[in-house]
Amino acid sequence: MNEKIKLWILASRPKTLPAAVAPVLVGTALAFNAGKFNAVAASVALICSLFIQIGTNFVNDLYDYLKGTDDENRVGPERALASGWIKPEEMKMAIYLTFGFTFLLGLYLVWHAGWIILLIGLLSILSGYAYTAGPYPLAYNGLGDVFVFLFFGIVAVAGTYYVQALEFSHLALVVAVPVGLLITDILVINNYRDADEDAKKNKQTLVVKFGKRFARLQYLGSVIIAFFVPPYLYLFEKKSLWIFLPILSLPLAVKLIKDVYKLTGTELNKTLEQTAKLSVIYSILFSLGIAL
């Protein structure tokens, strides 16, 4: 494989991409359960979700580099611009192409499901850009967690369901909660690991604003709520016992909570990776439980 292509693949941060797949799986499972599965709409929604994630990663890489946040003191994985793999002008063009492709592909969903999808798509793309760019970057002002929960949880799950069922459902909002919380925990670990350096560079993440104890409690609380959703669906939404399948991922969740309370610095890189795996494993099991 061409070396430049390999560098672009690394720049897209492939380990983060499961966070774009998980909500589409859950939204599609709910549509399947309702007898409204649409393979084409689900596939297009998945591709759009992946490219929004990639575009957001590119924007993050570019503007963290331009702001001086990513430098030789970084404790997380290498970044494309900070490592000199890719030039800023190349990254800017990649951002335009990635979000442009997403918009054009998303027009199919607009044609299929109506103007509300155009609004959702534009907000998703704009928020992906505003995550680290613009006059009030979300990630630098303690709003990154809110962005991730809303757009990779509520909007992605409910939107995926809507483009197939062509209707909203309160269940879509309920099943989006654990997905959004566990994906947000990926960001929590990332910011928890980088808290000391972020504070020096005035990147006001929630952990910088409220402290590391807050971040640990946020991580713990998200996991607890996520694992309470299946019992809620069983007791109050009359779902079958299959809905308890996500409990199989509980041992991994417990291990990660212990790690959050005892590991620091680069030790958390593995915890970050495993938190992403937890969100995917939980979502796959949750999707199976919903579909069955």
C-alpha atoms as a PDB file:
ATOM      1  CA  MET A   1       0.000   0.000   0.000  1.00  0.00           C
ATOM      2  CA  ASN A   2       1.241   3.477  -0.872  1.00  0.00           C
ATOM      3  CA  GLU A   3       2.894   5.105   2.180  1.00  0.00           C
ATOM      4  CA  LYS A   4       0.792   8.278   1.810  1.00  0.00           C
ATOM      5  CA  ILE A   5      -2.424   6.268   1.849  1.00  0.00           C
ATOM      6  CA  LYS A   6      -1.284   4.554   5.046  1.00  0.00           C
ATOM      7  CA  LEU A   7      -0.683   7.955   6.635  1.00  0.00           C
ATOM      8  CA  TRP A   8      -4.139   9.170   5.642  1.00  0.00           C
ATOM      9  CA  ILE A   9      -5.687   6.034   7.122  1.00  0.00           C
ATOM     10  CA  LEU A  10      -3.835   6.719  10.372  1.00  0.00           C
ATOM     11  CA  ALA A  11      -4.950  10.366  10.239  1.00  0.00           C
ATOM     12  CA  SER A  12      -8.577   9.229  10.021  1.00  0.00           C
ATOM     13  CA  ARG A  13      -8.060   7.558  13.442  1.00  0.00           C
ATOM     14  CA  PRO A  14      -9.563   4.150  12.576  1.00  0.00           C
ATOM     15  CA  LYS A  15      -9.802   3.170  16.248  1.00  0.00           C
ATOM     16  CA  THR A  16     -12.429   5.914  16.721  1.00  0.00           C
ATOM     17  CA  LEU A  17     -14.618   4.776  13.834  1.00  0.00           C
ATOM     18  CA  PRO A  18     -16.562   2.129  15.792  1.00  0.00           C
ATOM     19  CA  ALA A  19     -18.122   5.109  17.605  1.00  0.00           C
ATOM     20  CA  ALA A  20     -19.733   6.021  14.278  1.00  0.00           C
ATOM     21  CA  VAL A  21     -20.929   2.459  13.634  1.00  0.00           C
ATOM     22  CA  ALA A  22     -22.473   1.715  17.045  1.00  0.00           C
ATOM     23  CA  PRO A  23     -25.414   4.177  16.915  1.00  0.00           C
ATOM     24  CA  VAL A  24     -26.326   3.139  13.370  1.00  0.00           C
ATOM     25  CA  LEU A  25     -26.435  -0.512  14.464  1.00  0.00           C
ATOM     26  CA  VAL A  26     -28.780   0.279  17.354  1.00  0.00           C
ATOM     27  CA  GLY A  27     -31.047   2.544  15.297  1.00  0.00           C
ATOM     28  CA  THR A  28     -31.231  -0.090  12.555  1.00  0.00           C
ATOM     29  CA  ALA A  29     -32.023  -2.843  15.075  1.00  0.00           C
ATOM     30  CA  LEU A  30     -34.932  -0.784  16.364  1.00  0.00           C
ATOM     31  CA  ALA A  31     -36.220  -0.284  12.809  1.00  0.00           C
ATOM     32  CA  PHE A  32     -35.879  -4.035  12.183  1.00  0.00           C
ATOM     33  CA  ASN A  33     -37.824  -4.786  15.374  1.00  0.00           C
ATOM     34  CA  ALA A  34     -40.588  -2.462  14.189  1.00  0.00           C
ATOM     35  CA  GLY A  35     -40.704  -4.206  10.796  1.00  0.00           C
ATOM     36  CA  LYS A  36     -39.403  -1.108   8.998  1.00  0.00           C
ATOM     37  CA  PHE A  37     -35.830  -2.080   8.125  1.00  0.00           C
ATOM     38  CA  ASN A  38     -34.520  -0.382   4.971  1.00  0.00           C
ATOM     39  CA  ALA A  39     -31.120  -1.713   3.876  1.00  0.00           C
ATOM     40  CA  VAL A  40     -30.301   1.126   1.477  1.00  0.00           C
ATOM     41  CA  ALA A  41     -31.199   3.899   3.938  1.00  0.00           C
ATOM     42  CA  ALA A  42     -29.299   2.119   6.733  1.00  0.00           C
ATOM     43  CA  SER A  43     -26.209   1.720   4.538  1.00  0.00           C
ATOM     44  CA  VAL A  44     -26.204   5.370   3.480  1.00  0.00           C
ATOM     45  CA  ALA A  45     -26.701   6.462   7.100  1.00  0.00           C
ATOM     46  CA  LEU A  46     -23.717   4.304   8.116  1.00  0.00           C
ATOM     47  CA  ILE A  47     -21.435   5.765   5.441  1.00  0.00           C
ATOM     48  CA  CYS A  48     -22.488   9.327   6.346  1.00  0.00           C
ATOM     49  CA  SER A  49     -21.867   8.633  10.033  1.00  0.00           C
ATOM     50  CA  LEU A  50     -18.389   7.274   9.294  1.00  0.00           C
ATOM     51  CA  PHE A  51     -17.444  10.270   7.155  1.00  0.00           C
ATOM     52  CA  ILE A  52     -18.748  12.765   9.709  1.00  0.00           C
ATOM     53  CA  GLN A  53     -16.507  11.034  12.275  1.00  0.00           C
ATOM     54  CA  ILE A  54     -13.525  11.130   9.907  1.00  0.00           C
ATOM     55  CA  GLY A  55     -14.161  14.775   9.023  1.00  0.00           C
ATOM     56  CA  THR A  56     -14.396  15.671  12.711  1.00  0.00           C
ATOM     57  CA  ASN A  57     -11.110  13.848  13.342  1.00  0.00           C
ATOM     58  CA  PHE A  58      -9.444  15.796  10.524  1.00  0.00           C
ATOM     59  CA  VAL A  59     -10.727  19.115  11.912  1.00  0.00           C
ATOM     60  CA  ASN A  60      -9.533  18.129  15.385  1.00  0.00           C
ATOM     61  CA  ASP A  61      -6.087  17.230  14.063  1.00  0.00           C
ATOM     62  CA  LEU A  62      -5.763  20.490  12.113  1.00  0.00           C
ATOM     63  CA  TYR A  63      -6.947  22.943  14.747  1.00  0.00           C
ATOM     64  CA  ASP A  64      -5.260  21.263  17.709  1.00  0.00           C
ATOM     65  CA  TYR A  65      -2.066  21.599  15.673  1.00  0.00           C
ATOM     66  CA  LEU A  66      -2.706  25.237  14.736  1.00  0.00           C
ATOM     67  CA  LYS A  67      -3.567  26.131  18.341  1.00  0.00           C
ATOM     68  CA  GLY A  68      -0.404  24.419  19.589  1.00  0.00           C
ATOM     69  CA  THR A  69      -2.343  21.878  21.668  1.00  0.00           C
ATOM     70  CA  ASP A  70      -0.612  18.939  19.975  1.00  0.00           C
ATOM     71  CA  ASP A  71       3.143  19.154  20.523  1.00  0.00           C
ATOM     72  CA  GLU A  72       6.088  17.059  21.711  1.00  0.00           C
ATOM     73  CA  ASN A  73       4.548  16.771  25.201  1.00  0.00           C
ATOM     74  CA  ARG A  74       1.468  14.937  23.959  1.00  0.00           C
ATOM     75  CA  VAL A  75       0.813  11.709  25.905  1.00  0.00           C
ATOM     76  CA  GLY A  76      -1.782  10.311  23.495  1.00  0.00           C
ATOM     77  CA  PRO A  77      -1.281   8.648  20.092  1.00  0.00           C
ATOM     78  CA  GLU A  78       0.633  10.524  17.373  1.00  0.00           C
ATOM     79  CA  ARG A  79      -1.281  13.035  15.284  1.00  0.00           C
ATOM     80  CA  ALA A  80      -0.863  13.565  11.547  1.00  0.00           C
ATOM     81  CA  LEU A  81       0.068  17.245  11.441  1.00  0.00           C
ATOM     82  CA  ALA A  82       2.045  17.341  14.687  1.00  0.00           C
ATOM     83  CA  SER A  83       4.077  14.370  13.423  1.00  0.00           C
ATOM     84  CA  GLY A  84       4.676  16.001  10.032  1.00  0.00           C
ATOM     85  CA  TRP A  85       2.935  13.272   8.038  1.00  0.00           C
ATOM     86  CA  ILE A  86       0.535  15.678   6.337  1.00  0.00           C
ATOM     87  CA  LYS A  87       0.657  19.409   5.555  1.00  0.00           C
ATOM     88  CA  PRO A  88      -2.030  21.804   6.875  1.00  0.00           C
ATOM     89  CA  GLU A  89      -3.111  22.686   3.320  1.00  0.00           C
ATOM     90  CA  GLU A  90      -3.623  18.997   2.540  1.00  0.00           C
ATOM     91  CA  MET A  91      -5.668  18.520   5.697  1.00  0.00           C
ATOM     92  CA  LYS A  92      -7.873  21.516   4.889  1.00  0.00           C
ATOM     93  CA  MET A  93      -8.618  20.050   1.455  1.00  0.00           C
ATOM     94  CA  ALA A  94      -9.363  16.654   3.045  1.00  0.00           C
ATOM     95  CA  ILE A  95     -11.855  18.306   5.406  1.00  0.00           C
ATOM     96  CA  TYR A  96     -13.672  19.985   2.497  1.00  0.00           C
ATOM     97  CA  LEU A  97     -13.767  16.747   0.504  1.00  0.00           C
ATOM     98  CA  THR A  98     -14.886  14.598   3.435  1.00  0.00           C
ATOM     99  CA  PHE A  99     -17.725  16.849   4.563  1.00  0.00           C
ATOM    100  CA  GLY A 100     -18.633  17.641   0.934  1.00  0.00           C
ATOM    101  CA  PHE A 101     -18.959  13.947   0.109  1.00  0.00           C
ATOM    102  CA  THR A 102     -21.050  13.428   3.253  1.00  0.00           C
ATOM    103  CA  PHE A 103     -23.401  16.244   2.254  1.00  0.00           C
ATOM    104  CA  LEU A 104     -23.860  14.960  -1.306  1.00  0.00           C
ATOM    105  CA  LEU A 105     -24.464  11.383  -0.176  1.00  0.00           C
ATOM    106  CA  GLY A 106     -26.832  12.604   2.517  1.00  0.00           C
ATOM    107  CA  LEU A 107     -29.028  14.220  -0.147  1.00  0.00           C
ATOM    108  CA  TYR A 108     -30.318  10.730  -0.873  1.00  0.00           C
ATOM    109  CA  LEU A 109     -31.608  10.513   2.707  1.00  0.00           C
ATOM    110  CA  VAL A 110     -33.150  13.973   2.339  1.00  0.00           C
ATOM    111  CA  TRP A 111     -34.948  12.832  -0.819  1.00  0.00           C
ATOM    112  CA  HIS A 112     -36.032   9.620   0.893  1.00  0.00           C
ATOM    113  CA  ALA A 113     -36.994  10.901   4.352  1.00  0.00           C
ATOM    114  CA  GLY A 114     -37.631  14.635   4.007  1.00  0.00           C
ATOM    115  CA  TRP A 115     -36.224  18.038   4.916  1.00  0.00           C
ATOM    116  CA  ILE A 116     -35.753  17.201   8.613  1.00  0.00           C
ATOM    117  CA  ILE A 117     -32.802  15.017   7.563  1.00  0.00           C
ATOM    118  CA  LEU A 118     -31.251  17.988   5.755  1.00  0.00           C
ATOM    119  CA  LEU A 119     -31.412  19.946   9.017  1.00  0.00           C
ATOM    120  CA  ILE A 120     -29.952  17.047  11.023  1.00  0.00           C
ATOM    121  CA  GLY A 121     -27.185  16.491   8.470  1.00  0.00           C
ATOM    122  CA  LEU A 122     -26.163  20.148   8.304  1.00  0.00           C
ATOM    123  CA  LEU A 123     -26.138  20.435  12.112  1.00  0.00           C
ATOM    124  CA  SER A 124     -24.023  17.285  12.360  1.00  0.00           C
ATOM    125  CA  ILE A 125     -21.466  18.574   9.846  1.00  0.00           C
ATOM    126  CA  LEU A 126     -21.361  22.070  11.367  1.00  0.00           C
ATOM    127  CA  SER A 127     -20.971  20.638  14.859  1.00  0.00           C
ATOM    128  CA  GLY A 128     -18.192  18.355  13.655  1.00  0.00           C
ATOM    129  CA  TYR A 129     -16.375  21.438  12.363  1.00  0.00           C
ATOM    130  CA  ALA A 130     -17.169  23.511  15.455  1.00  0.00           C
ATOM    131  CA  TYR A 131     -15.823  20.783  17.737  1.00  0.00           C
ATOM    132  CA  THR A 132     -12.335  22.312  17.579  1.00  0.00           C
ATOM    133  CA  ALA A 133     -12.695  25.140  15.035  1.00  0.00           C
ATOM    134  CA  GLY A 134     -14.512  28.447  14.817  1.00  0.00           C
ATOM    135  CA  PRO A 135     -14.792  31.333  17.294  1.00  0.00           C
ATOM    136  CA  TYR A 136     -16.120  29.133  20.116  1.00  0.00           C
ATOM    137  CA  PRO A 137     -14.693  25.606  19.699  1.00  0.00           C
ATOM    138  CA  LEU A 138     -16.791  23.133  21.676  1.00  0.00           C
ATOM    139  CA  ALA A 139     -13.872  20.974  22.805  1.00  0.00           C
ATOM    140  CA  TYR A 140     -12.080  24.017  24.256  1.00  0.00           C
ATOM    141  CA  ASN A 141     -15.078  25.244  26.221  1.00  0.00           C
ATOM    142  CA  GLY A 142     -16.313  22.152  28.066  1.00  0.00           C
ATOM    143  CA  LEU A 143     -18.987  21.298  25.492  1.00  0.00           C
ATOM    144  CA  GLY A 144     -17.253  18.387  23.764  1.00  0.00           C
ATOM    145  CA  ASP A 145     -19.039  15.850  25.954  1.00  0.00           C
ATOM    146  CA  VAL A 146     -22.424  17.382  25.136  1.00  0.00           C
ATOM    147  CA  PHE A 147     -21.623  17.332  21.407  1.00  0.00           C
ATOM    148  CA  VAL A 148     -20.601  13.660  21.470  1.00  0.00           C
ATOM    149  CA  PHE A 149     -23.619  12.544  23.506  1.00  0.00           C
ATOM    150  CA  LEU A 150     -26.091  14.436  21.326  1.00  0.00           C
ATOM    151  CA  PHE A 151     -24.681  13.683  17.878  1.00  0.00           C
ATOM    152  CA  PHE A 152     -23.173  10.212  18.353  1.00  0.00           C
ATOM    153  CA  GLY A 153     -26.006   9.156  20.651  1.00  0.00           C
ATOM    154  CA  ILE A 154     -29.391  10.829  20.351  1.00  0.00           C
ATOM    155  CA  VAL A 155     -29.146  12.242  16.816  1.00  0.00           C
ATOM    156  CA  ALA A 156     -27.343   9.257  15.255  1.00  0.00           C
ATOM    157  CA  VAL A 157     -29.609   6.569  16.733  1.00  0.00           C
ATOM    158  CA  ALA A 158     -32.898   8.451  16.314  1.00  0.00           C
ATOM    159  CA  GLY A 159     -31.852   9.679  12.861  1.00  0.00           C
ATOM    160  CA  THR A 160     -30.954   6.168  11.702  1.00  0.00           C
ATOM    161  CA  TYR A 161     -34.314   4.913  12.894  1.00  0.00           C
ATOM    162  CA  TYR A 162     -36.154   7.804  11.239  1.00  0.00           C
ATOM    163  CA  VAL A 163     -34.632   7.365   7.766  1.00  0.00           C
ATOM    164  CA  GLN A 164     -35.889   3.778   7.784  1.00  0.00           C
ATOM    165  CA  ALA A 165     -39.216   4.010   9.642  1.00  0.00           C
ATOM    166  CA  LEU A 166     -40.039   7.558   8.436  1.00  0.00           C
ATOM    167  CA  GLU A 167     -41.367   8.378  11.888  1.00  0.00           C
ATOM    168  CA  PHE A 168     -40.017   9.330  15.276  1.00  0.00           C
ATOM    169  CA  SER A 169     -40.220   6.989  18.252  1.00  0.00           C
ATOM    170  CA  HIS A 170     -39.714   7.625  21.957  1.00  0.00           C
ATOM    171  CA  LEU A 171     -37.948   4.248  22.071  1.00  0.00           C
ATOM    172  CA  ALA A 172     -35.299   5.594  19.708  1.00  0.00           C
ATOM    173  CA  LEU A 173     -34.489   8.261  22.275  1.00  0.00           C
ATOM    174  CA  VAL A 174     -34.362   5.720  25.107  1.00  0.00           C
ATOM    175  CA  VAL A 175     -32.045   3.266  23.338  1.00  0.00           C
ATOM    176  CA  ALA A 176     -29.832   6.171  22.238  1.00  0.00           C
ATOM    177  CA  VAL A 177     -28.971   7.037  25.842  1.00  0.00           C
ATOM    178  CA  PRO A 178     -26.583   4.140  26.665  1.00  0.00           C
ATOM    179  CA  VAL A 179     -25.002   4.372  23.212  1.00  0.00           C
ATOM    180  CA  GLY A 180     -24.331   8.093  23.623  1.00  0.00           C
ATOM    181  CA  LEU A 181     -23.062   7.746  27.189  1.00  0.00           C
ATOM    182  CA  LEU A 182     -20.578   4.963  26.423  1.00  0.00           C
ATOM    183  CA  ILE A 183     -19.252   6.794  23.364  1.00  0.00           C
ATOM    184  CA  THR A 184     -18.931   9.952  25.460  1.00  0.00           C
ATOM    185  CA  ASP A 185     -16.843   7.942  27.929  1.00  0.00           C
ATOM    186  CA  ILE A 186     -14.237   7.577  25.162  1.00  0.00           C
ATOM    187  CA  LEU A 187     -13.875  11.353  25.205  1.00  0.00           C
ATOM    188  CA  VAL A 188     -13.898  11.406  29.008  1.00  0.00           C
ATOM    189  CA  ILE A 189     -10.867   9.086  29.118  1.00  0.00           C
ATOM    190  CA  ASN A 190      -9.113  11.070  26.404  1.00  0.00           C
ATOM    191  CA  ASN A 191      -9.587  14.339  28.301  1.00  0.00           C
ATOM    192  CA  TYR A 192      -8.807  12.718  31.661  1.00  0.00           C
ATOM    193  CA  ARG A 193      -5.468  11.495  30.302  1.00  0.00           C
ATOM    194  CA  ASP A 194      -4.645  14.906  28.770  1.00  0.00           C
ATOM    195  CA  ALA A 195      -5.950  17.068  31.631  1.00  0.00           C
ATOM    196  CA  ASP A 196      -2.613  18.432  32.836  1.00  0.00           C
ATOM    197  CA  GLU A 197      -1.403  19.434  29.365  1.00  0.00           C
ATOM    198  CA  ASP A 198      -4.841  20.800  28.396  1.00  0.00           C
ATOM    199  CA  ALA A 199      -4.873  23.007  31.510  1.00  0.00           C
ATOM    200  CA  LYS A 200      -1.512  24.507  30.540  1.00  0.00           C
ATOM    201  CA  LYS A 201      -2.841  25.323  27.079  1.00  0.00           C
ATOM    202  CA  ASN A 202      -6.191  26.680  28.307  1.00  0.00           C
ATOM    203  CA  LYS A 203      -8.211  23.881  26.728  1.00  0.00           C
ATOM    204  CA  GLN A 204     -11.154  24.003  29.123  1.00  0.00           C
ATOM    205  CA  THR A 205     -12.525  20.459  28.957  1.00  0.00           C
ATOM    206  CA  LEU A 206     -14.893  19.335  31.711  1.00  0.00           C
ATOM    207  CA  VAL A 207     -12.083  17.590  33.570  1.00  0.00           C
ATOM    208  CA  VAL A 208     -10.012  20.789  33.468  1.00  0.00           C
ATOM    209  CA  LYS A 209     -12.997  22.799  34.702  1.00  0.00           C
ATOM    210  CA  PHE A 210     -14.180  20.427  37.432  1.00  0.00           C
ATOM    211  CA  GLY A 211     -11.242  18.169  38.208  1.00  0.00           C
ATOM    212  CA  LYS A 212     -10.196  14.555  37.787  1.00  0.00           C
ATOM    213  CA  ARG A 213     -12.538  13.273  40.490  1.00  0.00           C
ATOM    214  CA  PHE A 214     -15.449  14.691  38.483  1.00  0.00           C
ATOM    215  CA  ALA A 215     -14.192  12.898  35.353  1.00  0.00           C
ATOM    216  CA  ARG A 216     -13.971   9.560  37.189  1.00  0.00           C
ATOM    217  CA  LEU A 217     -17.507   9.998  38.517  1.00  0.00           C
ATOM    218  CA  GLN A 218     -18.741  11.001  35.070  1.00  0.00           C
ATOM    219  CA  TYR A 219     -17.242   7.848  33.575  1.00  0.00           C
ATOM    220  CA  LEU A 220     -18.712   5.684  36.353  1.00  0.00           C
ATOM    221  CA  GLY A 221     -22.132   7.331  36.149  1.00  0.00           C
ATOM    222  CA  SER A 222     -22.322   6.851  32.380  1.00  0.00           C
ATOM    223  CA  VAL A 223     -21.567   3.139  32.714  1.00  0.00           C
ATOM    224  CA  ILE A 224     -24.136   2.681  35.496  1.00  0.00           C
ATOM    225  CA  ILE A 225     -26.897   4.426  33.533  1.00  0.00           C
ATOM    226  CA  ALA A 226     -26.036   2.456  30.378  1.00  0.00           C
ATOM    227  CA  PHE A 227     -26.475  -0.854  32.197  1.00  0.00           C
ATOM    228  CA  PHE A 228     -29.752   0.257  33.788  1.00  0.00           C
ATOM    229  CA  VAL A 229     -31.398   0.891  30.415  1.00  0.00           C
ATOM    230  CA  PRO A 230     -31.955  -2.811  29.503  1.00  0.00           C
ATOM    231  CA  PRO A 231     -33.831  -3.493  32.787  1.00  0.00           C
ATOM    232  CA  TYR A 232     -35.905  -0.351  32.132  1.00  0.00           C
ATOM    233  CA  LEU A 233     -36.820  -1.607  28.652  1.00  0.00           C
ATOM    234  CA  TYR A 234     -37.739  -5.010  30.059  1.00  0.00           C
ATOM    235  CA  LEU A 235     -39.870  -3.683  32.918  1.00  0.00           C
ATOM    236  CA  PHE A 236     -41.520  -0.643  31.342  1.00  0.00           C
ATOM    237  CA  GLU A 237     -41.383  -1.190  27.569  1.00  0.00           C
ATOM    238  CA  LYS A 238     -42.245  -4.913  27.694  1.00  0.00           C
ATOM    239  CA  LYS A 239     -39.146  -6.026  25.818  1.00  0.00           C
ATOM    240  CA  SER A 240     -38.098  -9.698  25.956  1.00  0.00           C
ATOM    241  CA  LEU A 241     -35.284 -11.182  28.018  1.00  0.00           C
ATOM    242  CA  TRP A 242     -33.012 -10.789  24.974  1.00  0.00           C
ATOM    243  CA  ILE A 243     -32.726  -7.119  25.919  1.00  0.00           C
ATOM    244  CA  PHE A 244     -30.388  -8.168  28.757  1.00  0.00           C
ATOM    245  CA  LEU A 245     -27.674  -9.290  26.299  1.00  0.00           C
ATOM    246  CA  PRO A 246     -25.538  -6.155  26.982  1.00  0.00           C
ATOM    247  CA  ILE A 247     -24.978  -7.485  30.525  1.00  0.00           C
ATOM    248  CA  LEU A 248     -22.412  -9.833  28.930  1.00  0.00           C
ATOM    249  CA  SER A 249     -20.145  -6.797  28.510  1.00  0.00           C
ATOM    250  CA  LEU A 250     -20.370  -5.865  32.201  1.00  0.00           C
ATOM    251  CA  PRO A 251     -17.085  -7.589  33.238  1.00  0.00           C
ATOM    252  CA  LEU A 252     -15.182  -5.396  30.766  1.00  0.00           C
ATOM    253  CA  ALA A 253     -16.990  -2.313  32.091  1.00  0.00           C
ATOM    254  CA  VAL A 254     -16.046  -3.164  35.679  1.00  0.00           C
ATOM    255  CA  LYS A 255     -12.406  -3.663  34.676  1.00  0.00           C
ATOM    256  CA  LEU A 256     -12.340  -0.290  32.930  1.00  0.00           C
ATOM    257  CA  ILE A 257     -13.834   1.497  35.924  1.00  0.00           C
ATOM    258  CA  LYS A 258     -11.054   0.043  38.093  1.00  0.00           C
ATOM    259  CA  ASP A 259      -8.471   1.182  35.531  1.00  0.00           C
ATOM    260  CA  VAL A 260      -9.848   4.722  35.510  1.00  0.00           C
ATOM    261  CA  TYR A 261      -9.367   4.921  39.267  1.00  0.00           C
ATOM    262  CA  LYS A 262      -5.799   3.586  39.308  1.00  0.00           C
ATOM    263  CA  LEU A 263      -4.061   4.404  35.989  1.00  0.00           C
ATOM    264  CA  THR A 264      -2.559   7.692  34.806  1.00  0.00           C
ATOM    265  CA  GLY A 265      -0.814   9.231  31.799  1.00  0.00           C
ATOM    266  CA  THR A 266       0.127   6.956  28.918  1.00  0.00           C
ATOM    267  CA  GLU A 267      -1.233   3.960  30.852  1.00  0.00           C
ATOM    268  CA  LEU A 268      -4.680   5.286  29.929  1.00  0.00           C
ATOM    269  CA  ASN A 269      -4.074   4.841  26.193  1.00  0.00           C
ATOM    270  CA  LYS A 270      -5.039   1.179  26.550  1.00  0.00           C
ATOM    271  CA  THR A 271      -8.056   2.147  28.669  1.00  0.00           C
ATOM    272  CA  LEU A 272      -9.108   4.555  25.924  1.00  0.00           C
ATOM    273  CA  GLU A 273      -8.897   1.801  23.315  1.00  0.00           C
ATOM    274  CA  GLN A 274     -10.820  -0.643  25.506  1.00  0.00           C
ATOM    275  CA  THR A 275     -13.489   1.957  26.284  1.00  0.00           C
ATOM    276  CA  ALA A 276     -14.105   2.223  22.550  1.00  0.00           C
ATOM    277  CA  LYS A 277     -14.338  -1.582  22.414  1.00  0.00           C
ATOM    278  CA  LEU A 278     -16.839  -1.552  25.278  1.00  0.00           C
ATOM    279  CA  SER A 279     -19.083   0.880  23.420  1.00  0.00           C
ATOM    280  CA  VAL A 280     -19.017  -1.353  20.343  1.00  0.00           C
ATOM    281  CA  ILE A 281     -19.507  -4.669  22.186  1.00  0.00           C
ATOM    282  CA  TYR A 282     -22.349  -3.214  24.244  1.00  0.00           C
ATOM    283  CA  SER A 283     -23.977  -1.758  21.110  1.00  0.00           C
ATOM    284  CA  ILE A 284     -23.712  -5.031  19.166  1.00  0.00           C
ATOM    285  CA  LEU A 285     -25.265  -6.986  22.035  1.00  0.00           C
ATOM    286  CA  PHE A 286     -27.871  -4.262  22.540  1.00  0.00           C
ATOM    287  CA  SER A 287     -28.725  -4.337  18.828  1.00  0.00           C
ATOM    288  CA  LEU A 288     -29.168  -8.104  18.919  1.00  0.00           C
ATOM    289  CA  GLY A 289     -31.350  -7.806  22.008  1.00  0.00           C
ATOM    290  CA  ILE A 290     -33.536  -5.160  20.371  1.00  0.00           C
ATOM    291  CA  ALA A 291     -33.835  -7.050  17.084  1.00  0.00           C
ATOM    292  CA  LEU A 292     -34.715 -10.339  18.798  1.00  0.00           C
END
